[in-house]
């Protein structure tokens, strides 16, 4: 567990930050940007949860996802893909089980949605709108994680998890719009 006694350390005042293995990199390093965007995704989901209190199942899903996102941030904060780690002190890594849970939830939610007849515009209920924001921020995190994976070796499950997360946010946003019945659909060329 983490114990924080001081909030500021002044160690980042010159634009560097520590990674999970103790090495220091610039605060605008692609790795820091990737896990920072995962943190941003987590914060947006926290705002969405302000609107999910009346649905215990949805709120529980979002709470689990927020915890997973801290795991994902810790994973990305520690260089390497996990293959050469000390088994006595392995780094925290996202697992296939976490991704599979997202997939099972996506399938369960999608089963009860009205079929799509057009692309969905973000909006509808407050919860749906916030989940669409979370979807787009998680897609940005995914692009950054993929960019990082092109430069350094990372846990491949990190890419799968974040890819599945944006799909989860999409179906959950539709669920929050009365099972898709209240989705706002794109009407191509409407304002021409």
Protein backbone atom coordinates (compact mmCIF):
# COMPACT_ATOMS: atom_id res chain seq x y z
CA UNK A 1 0.00 0.00 0.00
CA UNK A 2 1.04 3.58 -0.54
CA UNK A 3 1.49 5.96 2.37
CA UNK A 4 1.75 9.65 1.56
CA UNK A 5 2.94 11.94 4.31
CA UNK A 6 3.86 14.91 2.12
CA UNK A 7 2.00 16.05 -0.96
CA UNK A 8 4.82 18.04 -2.48
CA UNK A 9 8.45 16.95 -2.62
CA UNK A 10 9.96 19.63 -4.87
CA UNK A 11 11.72 16.82 -6.77
CA UNK A 12 9.81 17.70 -9.94
CA UNK A 13 10.54 21.40 -9.89
CA UNK A 14 13.03 21.08 -12.75
CA UNK A 15 10.63 19.23 -15.04
CA UNK A 16 11.57 15.64 -14.20
CA UNK A 17 9.54 12.91 -12.50
CA UNK A 18 10.29 9.47 -11.11
CA UNK A 19 9.01 6.30 -12.75
CA UNK A 20 8.04 3.15 -10.87
CA UNK A 21 11.56 1.75 -11.14
CA UNK A 22 13.13 4.91 -9.70
CA UNK A 23 14.51 6.28 -12.96
CA UNK A 24 13.76 9.91 -13.77
CA UNK A 25 12.38 11.25 -17.03
CA UNK A 26 11.04 14.54 -18.35
CA UNK A 27 7.45 15.24 -17.34
CA UNK A 28 6.52 15.42 -21.02
CA UNK A 29 8.00 11.97 -21.78
CA UNK A 30 5.55 9.84 -23.80
CA UNK A 31 5.32 7.34 -20.92
CA UNK A 32 4.31 10.08 -18.48
CA UNK A 33 1.87 11.52 -21.01
CA UNK A 34 0.33 8.06 -21.51
CA UNK A 35 -0.24 7.29 -17.85
CA UNK A 36 -1.26 10.91 -17.21
CA UNK A 37 -4.00 10.51 -19.79
CA UNK A 38 -5.07 7.28 -18.09
CA UNK A 39 -5.36 9.35 -14.91
CA UNK A 40 -7.42 11.91 -16.81
CA UNK A 41 -9.73 9.10 -17.98
CA UNK A 42 -10.12 8.05 -14.36
CA UNK A 43 -11.04 11.59 -13.33
CA UNK A 44 -13.65 11.88 -16.07
CA UNK A 45 -15.19 8.58 -14.93
CA UNK A 46 -15.26 10.03 -11.41
CA UNK A 47 -17.38 12.91 -12.74
CA UNK A 48 -19.64 10.43 -14.57
CA UNK A 49 -20.21 8.63 -11.28
CA UNK A 50 -21.90 11.76 -9.95
CA UNK A 51 -24.75 10.70 -12.26
CA UNK A 52 -24.70 6.94 -11.61
CA UNK A 53 -25.69 6.87 -7.95
CA UNK A 54 -29.24 5.70 -8.76
CA UNK A 55 -27.94 2.63 -10.63
CA UNK A 56 -25.89 0.44 -8.30
CA UNK A 57 -24.75 -1.98 -11.04
CA UNK A 58 -23.43 0.80 -13.28
CA UNK A 59 -21.80 2.59 -10.36
CA UNK A 60 -20.10 -0.64 -9.26
CA UNK A 61 -18.76 -1.20 -12.78
CA UNK A 62 -17.38 2.32 -12.88
CA UNK A 63 -15.81 1.93 -9.42
CA UNK A 64 -14.04 -1.28 -10.53
CA UNK A 65 -12.86 0.44 -13.70
CA UNK A 66 -11.47 3.37 -11.69
CA UNK A 67 -9.45 0.92 -9.60
CA UNK A 68 -8.26 -0.84 -12.77
CA UNK A 69 -7.15 2.49 -14.18
CA UNK A 70 -4.89 3.03 -11.18
CA UNK A 71 -3.46 -0.44 -11.89
CA UNK A 72 -2.98 0.55 -15.53
CA UNK A 73 -1.25 3.78 -14.51
CA UNK A 74 1.09 1.82 -12.22
CA UNK A 75 1.75 -0.65 -15.05
CA UNK A 76 2.66 2.12 -17.50
CA UNK A 77 4.69 3.98 -14.87
CA UNK A 78 7.03 0.99 -14.56
CA UNK A 79 9.13 0.40 -17.70
CA UNK A 80 9.18 -3.08 -19.24
CA UNK A 81 6.59 -5.61 -20.24
CA UNK A 82 6.77 -7.74 -17.10
CA UNK A 83 8.62 -10.61 -18.76
CA UNK A 84 11.95 -10.10 -16.97
CA UNK A 85 10.75 -8.98 -13.56
CA UNK A 86 11.89 -10.28 -10.22
CA UNK A 87 9.17 -12.79 -9.19
CA UNK A 88 9.64 -11.73 -5.55
CA UNK A 89 8.90 -8.09 -6.41
CA UNK A 90 6.89 -7.99 -9.64
CA UNK A 91 5.54 -4.69 -10.88
CA UNK A 92 1.77 -4.27 -10.85
CA UNK A 93 0.51 -5.16 -14.33
CA UNK A 94 -2.92 -5.15 -15.96
CA UNK A 95 -4.01 -8.77 -16.49
CA UNK A 96 -6.07 -10.60 -19.08
CA UNK A 97 -8.65 -11.24 -16.34
CA UNK A 98 -9.30 -7.49 -16.07
CA UNK A 99 -9.76 -7.16 -19.83
CA UNK A 100 -11.99 -10.25 -19.92
CA UNK A 101 -14.21 -8.75 -17.21
CA UNK A 102 -14.68 -5.66 -19.40
CA UNK A 103 -15.55 -7.90 -22.36
CA UNK A 104 -18.14 -9.83 -20.32
CA UNK A 105 -19.72 -6.57 -19.15
CA UNK A 106 -19.77 -5.18 -22.70
CA UNK A 107 -21.52 -8.32 -23.95
CA UNK A 108 -24.03 -8.22 -21.09
CA UNK A 109 -24.86 -4.53 -21.62
CA UNK A 110 -24.96 -4.74 -25.42
CA UNK A 111 -27.39 -7.67 -25.31
CA UNK A 112 -30.13 -5.35 -24.03
CA UNK A 113 -29.48 -2.33 -26.28
CA UNK A 114 -31.57 -1.32 -29.25
CA UNK A 115 -29.67 -2.10 -32.48
CA UNK A 116 -27.73 0.84 -33.93
CA UNK A 117 -29.16 2.40 -37.09
CA UNK A 118 -26.74 5.33 -37.24
CA UNK A 119 -23.73 6.72 -35.43
CA UNK A 120 -24.49 8.05 -31.97
CA UNK A 121 -23.89 11.69 -31.09
CA UNK A 122 -22.63 12.26 -27.53
CA UNK A 123 -25.45 13.41 -25.30
CA UNK A 124 -28.83 12.38 -24.00
CA UNK A 125 -28.72 11.88 -20.26
CA UNK A 126 -26.06 13.54 -18.10
CA UNK A 127 -24.51 10.13 -17.38
CA UNK A 128 -24.42 9.20 -21.06
CA UNK A 129 -22.80 12.51 -22.01
CA UNK A 130 -20.07 12.06 -19.35
CA UNK A 131 -19.46 8.46 -20.44
CA UNK A 132 -18.94 9.69 -24.01
CA UNK A 133 -16.33 12.13 -22.67
CA UNK A 134 -14.68 9.20 -20.85
CA UNK A 135 -14.78 7.21 -24.10
CA UNK A 136 -12.98 9.90 -26.06
CA UNK A 137 -10.37 10.51 -23.36
CA UNK A 138 -9.71 6.76 -23.12
CA UNK A 139 -9.25 6.67 -26.91
CA UNK A 140 -6.63 9.41 -26.56
CA UNK A 141 -4.94 7.38 -23.82
CA UNK A 142 -4.99 4.38 -26.15
CA UNK A 143 -3.28 6.33 -28.94
CA UNK A 144 -0.56 7.41 -26.52
CA UNK A 145 -0.09 3.90 -25.13
CA UNK A 146 0.21 2.53 -28.66
CA UNK A 147 2.77 5.25 -29.43
CA UNK A 148 4.71 4.24 -26.31
CA UNK A 149 4.53 0.57 -27.34
CA UNK A 150 6.13 1.52 -30.66
CA UNK A 151 9.14 2.95 -28.81
CA UNK A 152 9.51 0.73 -25.75
CA UNK A 153 8.43 -2.70 -24.62
CA UNK A 154 5.24 -2.54 -22.53
CA UNK A 155 2.74 -5.03 -21.17
CA UNK A 156 0.61 -5.91 -24.23
CA UNK A 157 -2.43 -6.35 -21.99
CA UNK A 158 -2.29 -2.59 -21.31
CA UNK A 159 -3.21 -1.90 -24.96
CA UNK A 160 -5.98 -4.51 -24.96
CA UNK A 161 -7.45 -3.17 -21.72
CA UNK A 162 -7.60 0.47 -22.82
CA UNK A 163 -9.02 -0.53 -26.21
CA UNK A 164 -11.79 -2.50 -24.52
CA UNK A 165 -12.43 0.34 -22.06
CA UNK A 166 -13.53 2.77 -24.76
CA UNK A 167 -15.93 0.14 -26.10
CA UNK A 168 -17.26 -0.33 -22.56
CA UNK A 169 -17.82 3.40 -22.18
CA UNK A 170 -19.72 3.45 -25.49
CA UNK A 171 -22.16 0.66 -24.63
CA UNK A 172 -22.57 1.98 -21.09
CA UNK A 173 -23.38 5.44 -22.50
CA UNK A 174 -26.07 3.85 -24.68
CA UNK A 175 -27.37 1.92 -21.68
CA UNK A 176 -27.62 5.21 -19.77
CA UNK A 177 -29.81 6.56 -22.60
CA UNK A 178 -32.70 4.23 -21.80
CA UNK A 179 -31.08 1.22 -23.45
CA UNK A 180 -30.30 3.23 -26.57
CA UNK A 181 -33.90 4.40 -27.05
CA UNK A 182 -32.91 7.98 -26.14
CA UNK A 183 -29.65 8.03 -28.11
CA UNK A 184 -29.15 11.09 -30.28
CA UNK A 185 -28.42 9.76 -33.74
CA UNK A 186 -26.28 11.37 -36.42
CA UNK A 187 -28.27 12.59 -39.41
CA UNK A 188 -25.79 12.96 -42.28
CA UNK A 189 -26.06 16.30 -44.10
CA UNK A 190 -28.80 17.57 -41.75
CA UNK A 191 -27.65 21.20 -41.80
CA UNK A 192 -26.80 21.57 -45.48
